Amino acid sequence: MALREPVMVCDGVQGGVCVGSSTCFVTGAAPTLDSLLEAMDRWLWHHPSYTALSFSHAAETRWEPRVGLAGPEATTVYTGVLLVQTQQRKR
């Protein structure tokens, strides 16, 4: 399973950016928990206008087909959801 780069999913979005103080979810998946955490950290680094509120993750077992007569192979995939909020700018 390859890394699925984190993607932001929001209800209050305009032009790919959370509106006002909306909260958004950033979802991602990776073959290891470490690589998932690194990907989320990279996302936060590249989006400095957001602050992390919480993070949750789960380990899933997925059955991947194999070539030939062998049955499917179990692989573990780590999925994560990061709750973020736009930082309020002081005037």
PDB file of N, CA and C in Angstrom:
ATOM      1  N   MET A   1       0.849  -1.165   0.000  1.00  0.00           N
ATOM      2  CA  MET A   1       0.000   0.000   0.000  1.00  0.00           C
ATOM      3  C   MET A   1       0.892   1.224   0.000  1.00  0.00           C
ATOM      4  N   ALA A   2       0.670   2.092  -0.924  1.00  0.00           N
ATOM      5  CA  ALA A   2       1.452   3.321  -1.009  1.00  0.00           C
ATOM      6  C   ALA A   2       0.824   4.400  -0.131  1.00  0.00           C
ATOM      7  N   LEU A   3       1.629   5.367   0.186  1.00  0.00           N
ATOM      8  CA  LEU A   3       1.160   6.505   0.964  1.00  0.00           C
ATOM      9  C   LEU A   3       0.112   7.272   0.175  1.00  0.00           C
ATOM     10  N   ARG A   4      -1.008   7.564   0.811  1.00  0.00           N
ATOM     11  CA  ARG A   4      -1.999   8.450   0.211  1.00  0.00           C
ATOM     12  C   ARG A   4      -1.822   9.797   0.897  1.00  0.00           C
ATOM     13  N   GLU A   5      -1.322  10.766   0.148  1.00  0.00           N
ATOM     14  CA  GLU A   5      -1.036  12.072   0.733  1.00  0.00           C
ATOM     15  C   GLU A   5      -2.285  12.651   1.383  1.00  0.00           C
ATOM     16  N   PRO A   6      -2.115  13.349   2.502  1.00  0.00           N
ATOM     17  CA  PRO A   6      -3.256  13.943   3.184  1.00  0.00           C
ATOM     18  C   PRO A   6      -4.026  14.916   2.301  1.00  0.00           C
ATOM     19  N   VAL A   7      -5.339  14.897   2.446  1.00  0.00           N
ATOM     20  CA  VAL A   7      -6.238  15.751   1.676  1.00  0.00           C
ATOM     21  C   VAL A   7      -7.181  16.445   2.656  1.00  0.00           C
ATOM     22  N   MET A   8      -7.409  17.747   2.451  1.00  0.00           N
ATOM     23  CA  MET A   8      -8.311  18.481   3.324  1.00  0.00           C
ATOM     24  C   MET A   8      -9.748  18.341   2.837  1.00  0.00           C
ATOM     25  N   VAL A   9     -10.652  18.073   3.782  1.00  0.00           N
ATOM     26  CA  VAL A   9     -12.078  17.952   3.486  1.00  0.00           C
ATOM     27  C   VAL A   9     -12.809  18.897   4.437  1.00  0.00           C
ATOM     28  N   CYS A  10     -13.574  19.838   3.883  1.00  0.00           N
ATOM     29  CA  CYS A  10     -14.263  20.832   4.717  1.00  0.00           C
ATOM     30  C   CYS A  10     -15.685  21.040   4.250  1.00  0.00           C
ATOM     31  N   ASP A  11     -16.516  21.503   5.173  1.00  0.00           N
ATOM     32  CA  ASP A  11     -17.862  21.930   4.806  1.00  0.00           C
ATOM     33  C   ASP A  11     -17.827  23.384   4.356  1.00  0.00           C
ATOM     34  N   GLY A  12     -17.150  24.243   5.119  1.00  0.00           N
ATOM     35  CA  GLY A  12     -17.088  25.667   4.806  1.00  0.00           C
ATOM     36  C   GLY A  12     -15.839  26.020   4.035  1.00  0.00           C
ATOM     37  N   VAL A  13     -15.815  25.702   2.731  1.00  0.00           N
ATOM     38  CA  VAL A  13     -14.617  25.934   1.919  1.00  0.00           C
ATOM     39  C   VAL A  13     -14.916  26.903   0.789  1.00  0.00           C
ATOM     40  N   GLN A  14     -13.986  27.808   0.562  1.00  0.00           N
ATOM     41  CA  GLN A  14     -14.046  28.687  -0.603  1.00  0.00           C
ATOM     42  C   GLN A  14     -12.669  28.649  -1.238  1.00  0.00           C
ATOM     43  N   GLY A  15     -12.589  28.195  -2.467  1.00  0.00           N
ATOM     44  CA  GLY A  15     -11.304  28.142  -3.157  1.00  0.00           C
ATOM     45  C   GLY A  15     -10.278  27.257  -2.482  1.00  0.00           C
ATOM     46  N   GLY A  16     -10.711  26.152  -1.865  1.00  0.00           N
ATOM     47  CA  GLY A  16      -9.780  25.221  -1.233  1.00  0.00           C
ATOM     48  C   GLY A  16      -9.288  25.665   0.127  1.00  0.00           C
ATOM     49  N   VAL A  17      -9.880  26.729   0.699  1.00  0.00           N
ATOM     50  CA  VAL A  17      -9.448  27.243   1.996  1.00  0.00           C
ATOM     51  C   VAL A  17     -10.650  27.264   2.933  1.00  0.00           C
ATOM     52  N   CYS A  18     -10.444  26.851   4.178  1.00  0.00           N
ATOM     53  CA  CYS A  18     -11.522  26.920   5.162  1.00  0.00           C
ATOM     54  C   CYS A  18     -11.915  28.372   5.362  1.00  0.00           C
ATOM     55  N   VAL A  19     -13.201  28.618   5.463  1.00  0.00           N
ATOM     56  CA  VAL A  19     -13.705  29.979   5.614  1.00  0.00           C
ATOM     57  C   VAL A  19     -13.793  30.346   7.092  1.00  0.00           C
ATOM     58  N   GLY A  20     -13.315  31.543   7.427  1.00  0.00           N
ATOM     59  CA  GLY A  20     -13.405  32.048   8.799  1.00  0.00           C
ATOM     60  C   GLY A  20     -12.744  31.122   9.789  1.00  0.00           C
ATOM     61  N   SER A  21     -13.480  30.779  10.835  1.00  0.00           N
ATOM     62  CA  SER A  21     -12.914  29.902  11.855  1.00  0.00           C
ATOM     63  C   SER A  21     -13.445  28.485  11.704  1.00  0.00           C
ATOM     64  N   SER A  22     -13.806  28.105  10.482  1.00  0.00           N
ATOM     65  CA  SER A  22     -14.317  26.751  10.240  1.00  0.00           C
ATOM     66  C   SER A  22     -13.279  25.715  10.640  1.00  0.00           C
ATOM     67  N   THR A  23     -13.783  24.584  11.057  1.00  0.00           N
ATOM     68  CA  THR A  23     -12.892  23.454  11.284  1.00  0.00           C
ATOM     69  C   THR A  23     -12.940  22.562  10.052  1.00  0.00           C
ATOM     70  N   CYS A  24     -11.828  21.940   9.764  1.00  0.00           N
ATOM     71  CA  CYS A  24     -11.712  21.064   8.601  1.00  0.00           C
ATOM     72  C   CYS A  24     -11.050  19.765   9.028  1.00  0.00           C
ATOM     73  N   PHE A  25     -11.253  18.746   8.230  1.00  0.00           N
ATOM     74  CA  PHE A  25     -10.615  17.462   8.459  1.00  0.00           C
ATOM     75  C   PHE A  25      -9.575  17.228   7.379  1.00  0.00           C
ATOM     76  N   VAL A  26      -8.434  16.704   7.786  1.00  0.00           N
ATOM     77  CA  VAL A  26      -7.393  16.308   6.850  1.00  0.00           C
ATOM     78  C   VAL A  26      -7.285  14.797   6.978  1.00  0.00           C
ATOM     79  N   THR A  27      -7.504  14.081   5.877  1.00  0.00           N
ATOM     80  CA  THR A  27      -7.466  12.620   5.924  1.00  0.00           C
ATOM     81  C   THR A  27      -6.267  12.101   5.147  1.00  0.00           C
ATOM     82  N   GLY A  28      -5.750  10.965   5.567  1.00  0.00           N
ATOM     83  CA  GLY A  28      -4.620  10.355   4.879  1.00  0.00           C
ATOM     84  C   GLY A  28      -4.533   8.879   5.219  1.00  0.00           C
ATOM     85  N   ALA A  29      -3.696   8.160   4.478  1.00  0.00           N
ATOM     86  CA  ALA A  29      -3.476   6.735   4.729  1.00  0.00           C
ATOM     87  C   ALA A  29      -2.031   6.406   4.395  1.00  0.00           C
ATOM     88  N   ALA A  30      -1.470   5.441   5.116  1.00  0.00           N
ATOM     89  CA  ALA A  30      -0.071   5.067   4.912  1.00  0.00           C
ATOM     90  C   ALA A  30       0.143   3.629   5.381  1.00  0.00           C
ATOM     91  N   PRO A  31       1.239   3.018   4.922  1.00  0.00           N
ATOM     92  CA  PRO A  31       1.506   1.632   5.308  1.00  0.00           C
ATOM     93  C   PRO A  31       2.005   1.477   6.748  1.00  0.00           C
ATOM     94  N   THR A  32       2.510   2.552   7.364  1.00  0.00           N
ATOM     95  CA  THR A  32       2.965   2.489   8.757  1.00  0.00           C
ATOM     96  C   THR A  32       2.447   3.714   9.501  1.00  0.00           C
ATOM     97  N   LEU A  33       2.340   3.594  10.805  1.00  0.00           N
ATOM     98  CA  LEU A  33       1.893   4.723  11.610  1.00  0.00           C
ATOM     99  C   LEU A  33       2.905   5.865  11.531  1.00  0.00           C
ATOM    100  N   ASP A  34       4.197   5.538  11.545  1.00  0.00           N
ATOM    101  CA  ASP A  34       5.229   6.581  11.439  1.00  0.00           C
ATOM    102  C   ASP A  34       5.097   7.374  10.151  1.00  0.00           C
ATOM    103  N   SER A  35       4.884   6.692   9.030  1.00  0.00           N
ATOM    104  CA  SER A  35       4.771   7.416   7.758  1.00  0.00           C
ATOM    105  C   SER A  35       3.486   8.246   7.708  1.00  0.00           C
ATOM    106  N   LEU A  36       2.426   7.789   8.370  1.00  0.00           N
ATOM    107  CA  LEU A  36       1.196   8.577   8.450  1.00  0.00           C
ATOM    108  C   LEU A  36       1.433   9.847   9.263  1.00  0.00           C
ATOM    109  N   LEU A  37       2.098   9.718  10.409  1.00  0.00           N
ATOM    110  CA  LEU A  37       2.390  10.884  11.242  1.00  0.00           C
ATOM    111  C   LEU A  37       3.295  11.872  10.515  1.00  0.00           C
ATOM    112  N   GLU A  38       4.288  11.358   9.796  1.00  0.00           N
ATOM    113  CA  GLU A  38       5.178  12.234   9.023  1.00  0.00           C
ATOM    114  C   GLU A  38       4.405  12.977   7.940  1.00  0.00           C
ATOM    115  N   ALA A  39       3.482  12.306   7.272  1.00  0.00           N
ATOM    116  CA  ALA A  39       2.691  12.948   6.221  1.00  0.00           C
ATOM    117  C   ALA A  39       1.800  14.046   6.800  1.00  0.00           C
ATOM    118  N   MET A  40       1.186  13.793   7.943  1.00  0.00           N
ATOM    119  CA  MET A  40       0.349  14.812   8.578  1.00  0.00           C
ATOM    120  C   MET A  40       1.198  15.999   9.034  1.00  0.00           C
ATOM    121  N   ASP A  41       2.374  15.707   9.564  1.00  0.00           N
ATOM    122  CA  ASP A  41       3.288  16.768   9.989  1.00  0.00           C
ATOM    123  C   ASP A  41       3.706  17.626   8.796  1.00  0.00           C
ATOM    124  N   ARG A  42       3.993  16.967   7.671  1.00  0.00           N
ATOM    125  CA  ARG A  42       4.342  17.706   6.445  1.00  0.00           C
ATOM    126  C   ARG A  42       3.184  18.583   5.992  1.00  0.00           C
ATOM    127  N   TRP A  43       1.963  18.064   6.074  1.00  0.00           N
ATOM    128  CA  TRP A  43       0.802  18.849   5.669  1.00  0.00           C
ATOM    129  C   TRP A  43       0.707  20.115   6.523  1.00  0.00           C
ATOM    130  N   LEU A  44       0.860  19.967   7.840  1.00  0.00           N
ATOM    131  CA  LEU A  44       0.801  21.134   8.727  1.00  0.00           C
ATOM    132  C   LEU A  44       1.927  22.116   8.423  1.00  0.00           C
ATOM    133  N   TRP A  45       3.111  21.609   8.120  1.00  0.00           N
ATOM    134  CA  TRP A  45       4.259  22.461   7.794  1.00  0.00           C
ATOM    135  C   TRP A  45       3.968  23.300   6.545  1.00  0.00           C
ATOM    136  N   HIS A  46       3.336  22.694   5.556  1.00  0.00           N
ATOM    137  CA  HIS A  46       3.048  23.390   4.297  1.00  0.00           C
ATOM    138  C   HIS A  46       1.775  24.238   4.355  1.00  0.00           C
ATOM    139  N   HIS A  47       1.034  24.152   5.441  1.00  0.00           N
ATOM    140  CA  HIS A  47      -0.197  24.935   5.612  1.00  0.00           C
ATOM    141  C   HIS A  47      -0.139  25.656   6.965  1.00  0.00           C
ATOM    142  N   PRO A  48       0.748  26.648   7.092  1.00  0.00           N
ATOM    143  CA  PRO A  48       0.962  27.299   8.395  1.00  0.00           C
ATOM    144  C   PRO A  48      -0.231  28.102   8.914  1.00  0.00           C
ATOM    145  N   SER A  49      -1.227  28.367   8.083  1.00  0.00           N
ATOM    146  CA  SER A  49      -2.384  29.132   8.561  1.00  0.00           C
ATOM    147  C   SER A  49      -3.385  28.253   9.319  1.00  0.00           C
ATOM    148  N   TYR A  50      -3.092  26.957   9.438  1.00  0.00           N
ATOM    149  CA  TYR A  50      -3.973  26.043  10.168  1.00  0.00           C
ATOM    150  C   TYR A  50      -3.286  25.557  11.433  1.00  0.00           C
ATOM    151  N   THR A  51      -4.083  25.351  12.454  1.00  0.00           N
ATOM    152  CA  THR A  51      -3.567  24.779  13.687  1.00  0.00           C
ATOM    153  C   THR A  51      -4.294  23.455  13.945  1.00  0.00           C
ATOM    154  N   ALA A  52      -3.563  22.481  14.455  1.00  0.00           N
ATOM    155  CA  ALA A  52      -4.151  21.165  14.718  1.00  0.00           C
ATOM    156  C   ALA A  52      -4.917  21.190  16.034  1.00  0.00           C
ATOM    157  N   LEU A  53      -6.121  20.636  16.017  1.00  0.00           N
ATOM    158  CA  LEU A  53      -6.934  20.539  17.225  1.00  0.00           C
ATOM    159  C   LEU A  53      -6.899  19.131  17.801  1.00  0.00           C
ATOM    160  N   SER A  54      -6.948  18.126  16.931  1.00  0.00           N
ATOM    161  CA  SER A  54      -6.882  16.741  17.397  1.00  0.00           C
ATOM    162  C   SER A  54      -6.502  15.825  16.239  1.00  0.00           C
ATOM    163  N   PHE A  55      -6.052  14.624  16.592  1.00  0.00           N
ATOM    164  CA  PHE A  55      -5.665  13.624  15.598  1.00  0.00           C
ATOM    165  C   PHE A  55      -6.153  12.268  16.082  1.00  0.00           C
ATOM    166  N   SER A  56      -6.737  11.504  15.184  1.00  0.00           N
ATOM    167  CA  SER A  56      -7.096  10.126  15.517  1.00  0.00           C
ATOM    168  C   SER A  56      -6.705   9.232  14.351  1.00  0.00           C
ATOM    169  N   HIS A  57      -6.429   7.982  14.671  1.00  0.00           N
ATOM    170  CA  HIS A  57      -6.014   7.049  13.623  1.00  0.00           C
ATOM    171  C   HIS A  57      -6.554   5.655  13.927  1.00  0.00           C
ATOM    172  N   ALA A  58      -6.517   4.831  12.909  1.00  0.00           N
ATOM    173  CA  ALA A  58      -6.948   3.443  13.052  1.00  0.00           C
ATOM    174  C   ALA A  58      -6.089   2.564  12.154  1.00  0.00           C
ATOM    175  N   ALA A  59      -5.909   1.337  12.571  1.00  0.00           N
ATOM    176  CA  ALA A  59      -5.217   0.346  11.747  1.00  0.00           C
ATOM    177  C   ALA A  59      -6.284  -0.556  11.140  1.00  0.00           C
ATOM    178  N   GLU A  60      -6.263  -0.684   9.827  1.00  0.00           N
ATOM    179  CA  GLU A  60      -7.232  -1.522   9.121  1.00  0.00           C
ATOM    180  C   GLU A  60      -6.504  -2.688   8.467  1.00  0.00           C
ATOM    181  N   THR A  61      -7.165  -3.818   8.416  1.00  0.00           N
ATOM    182  CA  THR A  61      -6.642  -4.943   7.645  1.00  0.00           C
ATOM    183  C   THR A  61      -7.391  -4.975   6.325  1.00  0.00           C
ATOM    184  N   ARG A  62      -6.644  -4.922   5.254  1.00  0.00           N
ATOM    185  CA  ARG A  62      -7.245  -4.988   3.916  1.00  0.00           C
ATOM    186  C   ARG A  62      -6.719  -6.233   3.219  1.00  0.00           C
ATOM    187  N   TRP A  63      -7.550  -6.807   2.387  1.00  0.00           N
ATOM    188  CA  TRP A  63      -7.165  -8.008   1.657  1.00  0.00           C
ATOM    189  C   TRP A  63      -6.824  -7.628   0.233  1.00  0.00           C
ATOM    190  N   GLU A  64      -5.551  -7.784  -0.108  1.00  0.00           N
ATOM    191  CA  GLU A  64      -5.052  -7.434  -1.439  1.00  0.00           C
ATOM    192  C   GLU A  64      -4.965  -8.699  -2.289  1.00  0.00           C
ATOM    193  N   PRO A  65      -5.466  -8.651  -3.518  1.00  0.00           N
ATOM    194  CA  PRO A  65      -5.366  -9.821  -4.395  1.00  0.00           C
ATOM    195  C   PRO A  65      -3.909 -10.105  -4.755  1.00  0.00           C
ATOM    196  N   ARG A  66      -3.615 -11.391  -4.947  1.00  0.00           N
ATOM    197  CA  ARG A  66      -2.273 -11.799  -5.381  1.00  0.00           C
ATOM    198  C   ARG A  66      -2.378 -12.486  -6.735  1.00  0.00           C
ATOM    199  N   VAL A  67      -1.284 -12.460  -7.456  1.00  0.00           N
ATOM    200  CA  VAL A  67      -1.233 -13.081  -8.782  1.00  0.00           C
ATOM    201  C   VAL A  67      -1.162 -14.598  -8.624  1.00  0.00           C
ATOM    202  N   GLY A  68      -1.786 -15.295  -9.523  1.00  0.00           N
ATOM    203  CA  GLY A  68      -1.718 -16.754  -9.510  1.00  0.00           C
ATOM    204  C   GLY A  68      -2.836 -17.376  -8.693  1.00  0.00           C
ATOM    205  N   LEU A  69      -2.557 -18.575  -8.204  1.00  0.00           N
ATOM    206  CA  LEU A  69      -3.566 -19.328  -7.473  1.00  0.00           C
ATOM    207  C   LEU A  69      -3.637 -18.977  -5.996  1.00  0.00           C
ATOM    208  N   ALA A  70      -2.687 -18.216  -5.522  1.00  0.00           N
ATOM    209  CA  ALA A  70      -2.670 -17.870  -4.101  1.00  0.00           C
ATOM    210  C   ALA A  70      -3.871 -16.994  -3.750  1.00  0.00           C
ATOM    211  N   GLY A  71      -4.345 -17.168  -2.542  1.00  0.00           N
ATOM    212  CA  GLY A  71      -5.466 -16.348  -2.065  1.00  0.00           C
ATOM    213  C   GLY A  71      -5.008 -14.933  -1.751  1.00  0.00           C
ATOM    214  N   PRO A  72      -5.931 -14.096  -1.364  1.00  0.00           N
ATOM    215  CA  PRO A  72      -5.578 -12.711  -1.058  1.00  0.00           C
ATOM    216  C   PRO A  72      -4.643 -12.624   0.152  1.00  0.00           C
ATOM    217  N   GLU A  73      -3.888 -11.550   0.200  1.00  0.00           N
ATOM    218  CA  GLU A  73      -2.912 -11.342   1.266  1.00  0.00           C
ATOM    219  C   GLU A  73      -3.393 -10.201   2.163  1.00  0.00           C
ATOM    220  N   ALA A  74      -3.302 -10.411   3.476  1.00  0.00           N
ATOM    221  CA  ALA A  74      -3.705  -9.373   4.429  1.00  0.00           C
ATOM    222  C   ALA A  74      -2.607  -8.322   4.538  1.00  0.00           C
ATOM    223  N   THR A  75      -2.985  -7.053   4.425  1.00  0.00           N
ATOM    224  CA  THR A  75      -2.043  -5.953   4.633  1.00  0.00           C
ATOM    225  C   THR A  75      -2.677  -4.975   5.619  1.00  0.00           C
ATOM    226  N   THR A  76      -1.829  -4.340   6.404  1.00  0.00           N
ATOM    227  CA  THR A  76      -2.309  -3.355   7.363  1.00  0.00           C
ATOM    228  C   THR A  76      -2.135  -1.967   6.780  1.00  0.00           C
ATOM    229  N   VAL A  77      -3.166  -1.163   6.912  1.00  0.00           N
ATOM    230  CA  VAL A  77      -3.154   0.215   6.433  1.00  0.00           C
ATOM    231  C   VAL A  77      -3.538   1.108   7.605  1.00  0.00           C
ATOM    232  N   TYR A  78      -2.778   2.164   7.800  1.00  0.00           N
ATOM    233  CA  TYR A  78      -3.076   3.127   8.854  1.00  0.00           C
ATOM    234  C   TYR A  78      -3.768   4.335   8.240  1.00  0.00           C
ATOM    235  N   THR A  79      -4.955   4.640   8.734  1.00  0.00           N
ATOM    236  CA  THR A  79      -5.680   5.813   8.253  1.00  0.00           C
ATOM    237  C   THR A  79      -5.765   6.812   9.400  1.00  0.00           C
ATOM    238  N   GLY A  80      -5.745   8.081   9.047  1.00  0.00           N
ATOM    239  CA  GLY A  80      -5.782   9.104  10.080  1.00  0.00           C
ATOM    240  C   GLY A  80      -6.648  10.277   9.689  1.00  0.00           C
ATOM    241  N   VAL A  81      -7.175  10.940  10.714  1.00  0.00           N
ATOM    242  CA  VAL A  81      -7.969  12.151  10.527  1.00  0.00           C
ATOM    243  C   VAL A  81      -7.422  13.204  11.482  1.00  0.00           C
ATOM    244  N   LEU A  82      -7.058  14.330  10.912  1.00  0.00           N
ATOM    245  CA  LEU A  82      -6.531  15.461  11.672  1.00  0.00           C
ATOM    246  C   LEU A  82      -7.576  16.567  11.623  1.00  0.00           C
ATOM    247  N   LEU A  83      -8.024  17.026  12.776  1.00  0.00           N
ATOM    248  CA  LEU A  83      -8.981  18.127  12.842  1.00  0.00           C
ATOM    249  C   LEU A  83      -8.174  19.417  12.930  1.00  0.00           C
ATOM    250  N   VAL A  84      -8.382  20.322  11.984  1.00  0.00           N
ATOM    251  CA  VAL A  84      -7.632  21.579  11.954  1.00  0.00           C
ATOM    252  C   VAL A  84      -8.594  22.760  11.924  1.00  0.00           C
ATOM    253  N   GLN A  85      -8.067  23.914  12.297  1.00  0.00           N
ATOM    254  CA  GLN A  85      -8.850  25.144  12.277  1.00  0.00           C
ATOM    255  C   GLN A  85      -7.954  26.266  11.778  1.00  0.00           C
ATOM    256  N   THR A  86      -8.554  27.192  11.033  1.00  0.00           N
ATOM    257  CA  THR A  86      -7.773  28.338  10.574  1.00  0.00           C
ATOM    258  C   THR A  86      -7.400  29.178  11.782  1.00  0.00           C
ATOM    259  N   GLN A  87      -6.164  29.673  11.781  1.00  0.00           N
ATOM    260  CA  GLN A  87      -5.711  30.518  12.878  1.00  0.00           C
ATOM    261  C   GLN A  87      -6.302  31.906  12.717  1.00  0.00           C
ATOM    262  N   GLN A  88      -6.778  32.456  13.806  1.00  0.00           N
ATOM    263  CA  GLN A  88      -7.341  33.801  13.778  1.00  0.00           C
ATOM    264  C   GLN A  88      -6.203  34.815  13.748  1.00  0.00           C
ATOM    265  N   ARG A  89      -6.295  35.749  12.837  1.00  0.00           N
ATOM    266  CA  ARG A  89      -5.274  36.795  12.752  1.00  0.00           C
ATOM    267  C   ARG A  89      -5.687  37.973  13.617  1.00  0.00           C
ATOM    268  N   LYS A  90      -4.733  38.464  14.392  1.00  0.00           N
ATOM    269  CA  LYS A  90      -5.011  39.619  15.248  1.00  0.00           C
ATOM    270  C   LYS A  90      -4.924  40.891  14.420  1.00  0.00           C
ATOM    271  N   ARG A  91      -5.831  41.792  14.686  1.00  0.00           N
ATOM    272  CA  ARG A  91      -5.835  43.066  13.946  1.00  0.00           C
ATOM    273  C   ARG A  91      -5.276  44.172  14.790  1.00  0.00           C
TER     274      ARG A  91
END
